[in-house]
């Protein structure tokens, strides 16, 4: 059975785990938490592994993490002390890492490999919600520092065969990510951007969809939404991996005044 590919929001820092007693997060984050909590159950079958691209890892060449991702990389600052002791101890998958590398190299992409880096919060924070038992192996793949959108779509296309092999491909970022724009003054432009992005991503013609999303800077309020686009590039990978299948926006909510969407492909 073919699994979809996903683009998910990963929230802000350790937003779902701010209560040291394990209580629910700020009400603002609860719809996103509920969406993430239902991801695995929403799939046609439980994945044998997850391949995840986070907006928090960039390398000169696309790089695959071939080890286990713990100890975790707590790449956020200014949060309560207990959030620097969070755990998500899922295993890695050297086999899936090798397969991903082979597929990318077969498509002409130079690929690096490393084993020591911890999984960043773009991985472990949403996965602590989606896979609380940490019982699905995970492989992380980096973005490429040039952030070329068409090449990241092509990377996703190269990885698409993994969907038929029981691997869930997940892009983890935020559809809106301007850390200087909060509250009511951000809502109007964020809504305009989100509507345009959803329209492009869900275009019924897969080729036109890819072209429109790769040309994201032409959409209204694009640079307001993403002064730098590292949190949007995981969407390109997920879209490319989705192939010719349908694309749907299966999550939308407002946080910090921002319209935030998640997408499912295939």
Protein backbone atom coordinates (compact mmCIF):
# COMPACT_ATOMS: atom_id res chain seq x y z
CA UNK A 1 0.00 0.00 0.00
CA UNK A 2 1.27 3.47 -0.88
CA UNK A 3 1.62 5.93 1.99
CA UNK A 4 0.98 9.65 1.47
CA UNK A 5 3.64 12.29 1.99
CA UNK A 6 2.95 15.05 4.51
CA UNK A 7 3.89 18.62 5.28
CA UNK A 8 3.23 19.30 8.95
CA UNK A 9 3.60 22.32 11.24
CA UNK A 10 5.94 21.69 14.15
CA UNK A 11 4.85 24.60 16.30
CA UNK A 12 7.09 26.99 18.20
CA UNK A 13 9.95 25.57 20.24
CA UNK A 14 8.69 22.96 22.75
CA UNK A 15 5.19 24.47 22.63
CA UNK A 16 3.29 21.24 23.38
CA UNK A 17 5.41 20.40 26.45
CA UNK A 18 5.65 23.60 28.47
CA UNK A 19 3.94 22.17 31.56
CA UNK A 20 6.49 20.21 33.64
CA UNK A 21 3.62 18.16 35.07
CA UNK A 22 2.60 17.01 31.60
CA UNK A 23 -0.59 19.01 31.42
CA UNK A 24 -2.10 20.30 28.16
CA UNK A 25 -0.37 23.11 26.27
CA UNK A 26 -1.58 26.68 25.92
CA UNK A 27 -5.04 26.50 24.30
CA UNK A 28 -3.61 28.19 21.20
CA UNK A 29 -1.56 25.08 20.43
CA UNK A 30 -4.17 22.42 21.20
CA UNK A 31 -5.69 22.11 17.69
CA UNK A 32 -2.20 21.62 16.22
CA UNK A 33 -1.39 19.08 18.91
CA UNK A 34 -4.62 17.20 18.13
CA UNK A 35 -3.79 17.18 14.41
CA UNK A 36 -0.32 15.78 15.05
CA UNK A 37 -1.66 13.23 17.53
CA UNK A 38 -3.95 11.81 14.86
CA UNK A 39 -1.43 11.58 12.02
CA UNK A 40 -0.42 7.92 12.30
CA UNK A 41 -3.97 6.71 12.82
CA UNK A 42 -5.04 8.63 9.70
CA UNK A 43 -2.68 6.65 7.44
CA UNK A 44 -3.76 3.62 5.39
CA UNK A 45 -1.23 1.53 7.31
CA UNK A 46 1.31 2.07 10.07
CA UNK A 47 4.67 3.05 8.53
CA UNK A 48 7.70 0.83 9.00
CA UNK A 49 9.84 4.00 9.16
CA UNK A 50 9.65 7.78 8.79
CA UNK A 51 11.90 9.91 6.57
CA UNK A 52 11.72 13.46 7.87
CA UNK A 53 12.98 16.77 6.50
CA UNK A 54 13.07 19.58 9.06
CA UNK A 55 13.39 23.32 8.54
CA UNK A 56 16.13 23.29 11.19
CA UNK A 57 18.88 21.38 9.37
CA UNK A 58 20.74 22.71 6.34
CA UNK A 59 23.94 21.47 4.70
CA UNK A 60 25.86 22.47 1.57
CA UNK A 61 24.80 19.16 0.00
CA UNK A 62 21.73 17.21 1.02
CA UNK A 63 22.78 14.98 3.92
CA UNK A 64 21.20 11.87 5.35
CA UNK A 65 21.40 11.05 9.06
CA UNK A 66 22.34 7.37 9.17
CA UNK A 67 22.56 6.94 12.95
CA UNK A 68 20.22 7.32 15.90
CA UNK A 69 19.20 10.90 16.61
CA UNK A 70 19.72 11.00 20.32
CA UNK A 71 20.83 12.73 22.45
CA UNK A 72 18.41 15.27 21.02
CA UNK A 73 19.43 18.69 19.73
CA UNK A 74 17.61 21.27 21.87
CA UNK A 75 17.96 24.03 19.32
CA UNK A 76 15.68 26.55 21.01
CA UNK A 77 16.34 29.12 23.71
CA UNK A 78 14.62 30.81 26.61
CA UNK A 79 12.24 27.99 27.57
CA UNK A 80 11.73 26.27 30.94
CA UNK A 81 14.55 24.03 32.15
CA UNK A 82 12.54 20.82 31.89
CA UNK A 83 12.14 21.31 28.12
CA UNK A 84 15.89 20.65 27.76
CA UNK A 85 15.39 17.18 29.23
CA UNK A 86 12.63 16.00 26.89
CA UNK A 87 13.17 12.53 25.42
CA UNK A 88 12.15 10.79 22.21
CA UNK A 89 14.23 7.66 21.85
CA UNK A 90 13.05 6.15 18.57
CA UNK A 91 15.69 4.15 16.68
CA UNK A 92 17.20 5.23 13.40
CA UNK A 93 17.12 3.05 10.30
CA UNK A 94 20.43 2.59 8.48
CA UNK A 95 18.58 0.62 5.78
CA UNK A 96 16.16 3.44 4.99
CA UNK A 97 19.02 5.96 5.16
CA UNK A 98 20.99 3.93 2.60
CA UNK A 99 17.93 3.57 0.38
CA UNK A 100 17.22 7.31 0.50
CA UNK A 101 20.84 8.06 -0.35
CA UNK A 102 20.77 5.67 -3.30
CA UNK A 103 17.56 7.20 -4.66
CA UNK A 104 18.91 10.74 -4.42
CA UNK A 105 22.25 9.82 -5.96
CA UNK A 106 20.41 8.01 -8.73
CA UNK A 107 18.64 11.28 -9.51
CA UNK A 108 21.96 13.12 -9.72
CA UNK A 109 22.14 14.68 -6.25
CA UNK A 110 25.43 14.51 -4.33
CA UNK A 111 24.58 13.18 -0.86
CA UNK A 112 26.47 13.45 2.41
CA UNK A 113 26.06 11.20 5.42
CA UNK A 114 26.49 11.73 9.14
CA UNK A 115 25.64 9.91 12.36
CA UNK A 116 26.42 12.21 15.29
CA UNK A 117 23.95 15.09 15.03
CA UNK A 118 20.95 14.91 17.35
CA UNK A 119 17.45 15.22 15.98
CA UNK A 120 16.43 18.88 16.15
CA UNK A 121 13.16 20.15 17.57
CA UNK A 122 11.58 20.19 14.11
CA UNK A 123 11.77 16.41 14.43
CA UNK A 124 11.37 15.43 18.05
CA UNK A 125 8.72 17.95 19.15
CA UNK A 126 6.06 16.91 16.58
CA UNK A 127 7.12 13.26 16.81
CA UNK A 128 6.67 13.22 20.59
CA UNK A 129 3.02 14.05 19.83
CA UNK A 130 2.54 11.89 16.72
CA UNK A 131 4.50 8.83 17.89
CA UNK A 132 4.61 9.09 21.70
CA UNK A 133 5.83 5.52 22.04
CA UNK A 134 8.91 6.32 19.92
CA UNK A 135 8.38 2.96 18.26
CA UNK A 136 8.74 3.89 14.57
CA UNK A 137 12.33 4.20 13.27
CA UNK A 138 13.19 7.62 11.88
CA UNK A 139 15.75 8.95 9.41
CA UNK A 140 16.33 12.69 9.09
CA UNK A 141 17.32 14.33 5.83
CA UNK A 142 18.74 17.84 5.61
CA UNK A 143 17.73 20.72 3.44
CA UNK A 144 20.32 22.10 1.07
CA UNK A 145 21.64 25.52 2.09
CA UNK A 146 20.90 27.12 -1.26
CA UNK A 147 17.18 26.55 -0.55
CA UNK A 148 16.47 26.12 -4.25
CA UNK A 149 12.75 25.29 -4.38
CA UNK A 150 12.70 23.39 -7.70
CA UNK A 151 15.63 21.22 -6.60
CA UNK A 152 13.88 20.38 -3.34
CA UNK A 153 10.78 19.37 -5.30
CA UNK A 154 13.06 17.17 -7.43
CA UNK A 155 14.56 15.66 -4.28
CA UNK A 156 11.06 14.71 -3.19
CA UNK A 157 10.35 13.12 -6.57
CA UNK A 158 13.50 11.04 -6.25
CA UNK A 159 12.42 9.82 -2.81
CA UNK A 160 8.85 8.95 -3.87
CA UNK A 161 9.49 5.17 -4.25
CA UNK A 162 9.90 4.99 -0.48
CA UNK A 163 6.15 5.55 -0.17
CA UNK A 164 5.58 2.11 -1.72
CA UNK A 165 8.10 0.60 0.70
CA UNK A 166 6.31 1.49 3.93
CA UNK A 167 8.18 4.73 4.59
CA UNK A 168 6.26 7.88 5.53
CA UNK A 169 7.89 11.00 4.04
CA UNK A 170 7.30 14.04 6.22
CA UNK A 171 8.29 17.67 5.71
CA UNK A 172 8.33 19.50 9.05
CA UNK A 173 8.22 23.29 9.04
CA UNK A 174 5.65 26.07 9.23
CA UNK A 175 3.60 27.40 6.35
CA UNK A 176 4.00 30.88 7.89
CA UNK A 177 7.24 31.79 9.67
CA UNK A 178 7.92 35.44 10.34
CA UNK A 179 9.21 35.70 13.89
CA UNK A 180 8.86 39.51 13.86
CA UNK A 181 5.17 39.51 13.00
CA UNK A 182 2.72 38.59 15.74
CA UNK A 183 -0.85 39.34 16.66
CA UNK A 184 -3.59 41.20 14.86
CA UNK A 185 -1.36 43.15 12.47
CA UNK A 186 -0.02 39.86 11.10
CA UNK A 187 -3.38 38.17 10.61
CA UNK A 188 -4.53 39.95 7.45
CA UNK A 189 -1.34 39.40 5.42
CA UNK A 190 -0.99 35.86 6.83
CA UNK A 191 -4.52 34.99 5.70
CA UNK A 192 -3.84 36.37 2.20
CA UNK A 193 -0.63 34.35 1.97
CA UNK A 194 -2.22 31.19 3.30
CA UNK A 195 -5.12 31.34 0.84
CA UNK A 196 -2.71 31.77 -2.06
CA UNK A 197 -0.43 28.98 -0.84
CA UNK A 198 -3.32 26.56 -0.35
CA UNK A 199 -4.61 27.36 -3.83
CA UNK A 200 -1.19 26.64 -5.36
CA UNK A 201 -0.52 23.48 -3.35
CA UNK A 202 -3.93 21.98 -4.11
CA UNK A 203 -3.86 22.73 -7.84
CA UNK A 204 -5.44 19.72 -9.55
CA UNK A 205 -2.72 19.61 -12.22
CA UNK A 206 0.36 18.07 -10.54
CA UNK A 207 2.86 19.69 -12.94
CA UNK A 208 1.30 23.13 -12.55
CA UNK A 209 1.10 22.58 -8.78
CA UNK A 210 4.85 21.97 -8.60
CA UNK A 211 5.61 25.00 -10.76
CA UNK A 212 3.39 27.31 -8.74
CA UNK A 213 4.74 26.21 -5.37
CA UNK A 214 8.36 26.34 -6.56
CA UNK A 215 7.61 29.93 -7.62
CA UNK A 216 6.29 30.70 -4.12
CA UNK A 217 7.94 34.15 -4.03
CA UNK A 218 5.39 35.32 -6.62
CA UNK A 219 2.47 34.64 -4.28
CA UNK A 220 1.02 37.63 -2.40
CA UNK A 221 2.68 38.42 0.95
CA UNK A 222 5.35 35.77 0.27
CA UNK A 223 8.27 37.58 1.87
CA UNK A 224 6.12 38.78 4.74
CA UNK A 225 5.27 35.15 5.43
CA UNK A 226 8.83 33.90 4.96
CA UNK A 227 11.62 36.49 5.30
CA UNK A 228 13.83 33.39 4.92
CA UNK A 229 12.24 30.26 3.48
CA UNK A 230 13.86 27.40 5.39
CA UNK A 231 10.56 26.55 7.11
CA UNK A 232 8.77 26.38 3.75
CA UNK A 233 11.30 24.18 1.89
CA UNK A 234 10.21 20.92 3.60
CA UNK A 235 6.89 21.48 1.81
CA UNK A 236 8.73 21.27 -1.53
CA UNK A 237 10.13 17.85 -0.64
CA UNK A 238 6.76 16.53 0.52
CA UNK A 239 5.06 17.88 -2.60
CA UNK A 240 7.63 16.31 -4.91
CA UNK A 241 7.30 12.98 -3.12
CA UNK A 242 3.51 13.15 -3.57
CA UNK A 243 3.86 12.61 -7.31
CA UNK A 244 0.72 12.66 -9.41
CA UNK A 245 -1.67 12.06 -6.53
CA UNK A 246 -4.15 14.54 -5.08
CA UNK A 247 -3.07 17.27 -2.69
CA UNK A 248 -5.26 18.44 0.17
CA UNK A 249 -4.95 20.94 2.99
CA UNK A 250 -5.84 18.73 5.95
CA UNK A 251 -5.04 21.21 8.75
CA UNK A 252 -5.61 24.94 9.19
CA UNK A 253 -5.67 27.08 12.31
CA UNK A 254 -4.37 30.38 13.67
CA UNK A 255 -1.48 30.61 16.11
CA UNK A 256 0.19 33.86 17.19
CA UNK A 257 -2.01 35.63 14.67
CA UNK A 258 -0.76 33.47 11.81
CA UNK A 259 -2.81 31.24 9.54
CA UNK A 260 -0.96 27.90 9.54
CA UNK A 261 -1.74 24.99 7.21
CA UNK A 262 -0.68 21.37 6.82
CA UNK A 263 -0.85 19.33 3.61
CA UNK A 264 -1.20 15.72 2.50
CA UNK A 265 -0.12 14.40 -0.89
CA UNK A 266 -1.08 11.18 -2.63
